[in-house]
Amino acid sequence: MDEKSKQRLEADKAFLMLQAPEKGGDHAPSEGDIANRARDANTARLRELRLQKEAQEREAAPSPIPKTRKDRKPD
């Protein structure tokens, strides 16, 4: 039984090696891969621009002035 299990494991491993795509860079990227990379790059660029703009707006914004109550009666 142990010998069959060993053969079965080797056969399964060989089958999976044939079924799984190579992880090497020898295949051309698909159009979907190219579009996904372009979208991700554009999203990262726009996010960076938005964060820069928000930081500039925070720096340029005047500090809030505390409101005083004028309707208060002096002691």
Protein backbone atom coordinates (compact mmCIF):
# COMPACT_ATOMS: atom_id res chain seq x y z
CA MET A 1 0.00 0.00 0.00
CA ASP A 2 2.85 2.37 0.83
CA GLU A 3 4.44 1.77 -2.59
CA LYS A 4 1.19 2.64 -4.39
CA SER A 5 0.82 5.78 -2.36
CA LYS A 6 4.34 6.83 -3.28
CA GLN A 7 3.69 6.18 -6.97
CA ARG A 8 0.38 7.99 -6.74
CA LEU A 9 2.04 11.03 -5.16
CA GLU A 10 4.72 11.13 -7.85
CA ALA A 11 2.08 10.82 -10.58
CA ASP A 12 -0.02 13.59 -9.06
CA LYS A 13 3.02 15.82 -8.77
CA ALA A 14 3.96 15.21 -12.41
CA PHE A 15 0.37 15.88 -13.52
CA LEU A 16 0.20 19.15 -11.60
CA MET A 17 3.51 20.26 -13.10
CA LEU A 18 2.01 19.78 -16.57
CA GLN A 19 -1.22 21.58 -15.68
CA ALA A 20 0.24 24.57 -13.84
CA PRO A 21 1.63 27.37 -15.99
CA GLU A 22 5.30 28.17 -15.72
CA LYS A 23 6.13 30.92 -13.28
CA GLY A 24 8.99 32.10 -15.45
CA GLY A 25 8.82 35.19 -17.60
CA ASP A 26 8.91 33.31 -20.89
CA HIS A 27 5.30 34.00 -21.83
CA ALA A 28 3.92 37.25 -23.19
CA PRO A 29 1.51 39.16 -20.97
CA SER A 30 -2.09 39.08 -22.08
CA GLU A 31 -4.07 42.20 -22.98
CA GLY A 32 -5.87 41.88 -19.66
CA ASP A 33 -2.57 41.88 -17.77
CA ILE A 34 -1.42 44.98 -19.63
CA ALA A 35 -4.72 46.76 -18.99
CA ASN A 36 -4.62 45.83 -15.29
CA ARG A 37 -1.07 47.14 -14.90
CA ALA A 38 -1.97 50.39 -16.68
CA ARG A 39 -5.05 50.84 -14.49
CA ASP A 40 -3.07 50.18 -11.31
CA ALA A 41 -0.36 52.64 -12.33
CA ASN A 42 -2.93 55.32 -13.14
CA THR A 43 -4.75 54.73 -9.86
CA ALA A 44 -1.49 55.06 -7.91
CA ARG A 45 -0.60 58.26 -9.77
CA LEU A 46 -4.01 59.82 -9.13
CA ARG A 47 -3.94 58.79 -5.46
CA GLU A 48 -0.55 60.45 -5.02
CA LEU A 49 -1.79 63.65 -6.68
CA ARG A 50 -4.90 63.69 -4.47
CA LEU A 51 -2.86 63.23 -1.30
CA GLN A 52 -0.51 66.05 -2.31
CA LYS A 53 -3.46 68.35 -3.02
CA GLU A 54 -5.10 67.54 0.32
CA ALA A 55 -1.83 68.20 2.17
CA GLN A 56 -1.47 71.58 0.45
CA GLU A 57 -5.05 72.49 1.29
CA ARG A 58 -4.51 71.59 4.94
CA GLU A 59 -1.39 73.74 5.09
CA ALA A 60 -3.06 76.69 3.36
CA ALA A 61 -6.28 76.58 5.38
CA PRO A 62 -6.51 79.19 8.10
CA SER A 63 -6.67 77.87 11.62
CA PRO A 64 -10.15 78.03 13.06
CA ILE A 65 -10.76 80.99 15.34
CA PRO A 66 -12.49 80.07 18.58
CA LYS A 67 -15.88 81.69 18.83
CA THR A 68 -16.51 84.00 21.75
CA ARG A 69 -19.89 84.42 23.28
CA LYS A 70 -20.88 88.07 23.11
CA ASP A 71 -24.29 87.51 24.59
CA ARG A 72 -22.77 86.48 27.88
CA LYS A 73 -23.28 88.91 30.79
CA PRO A 74 -20.12 90.12 32.49
CA ASP A 75 -19.71 89.03 36.09
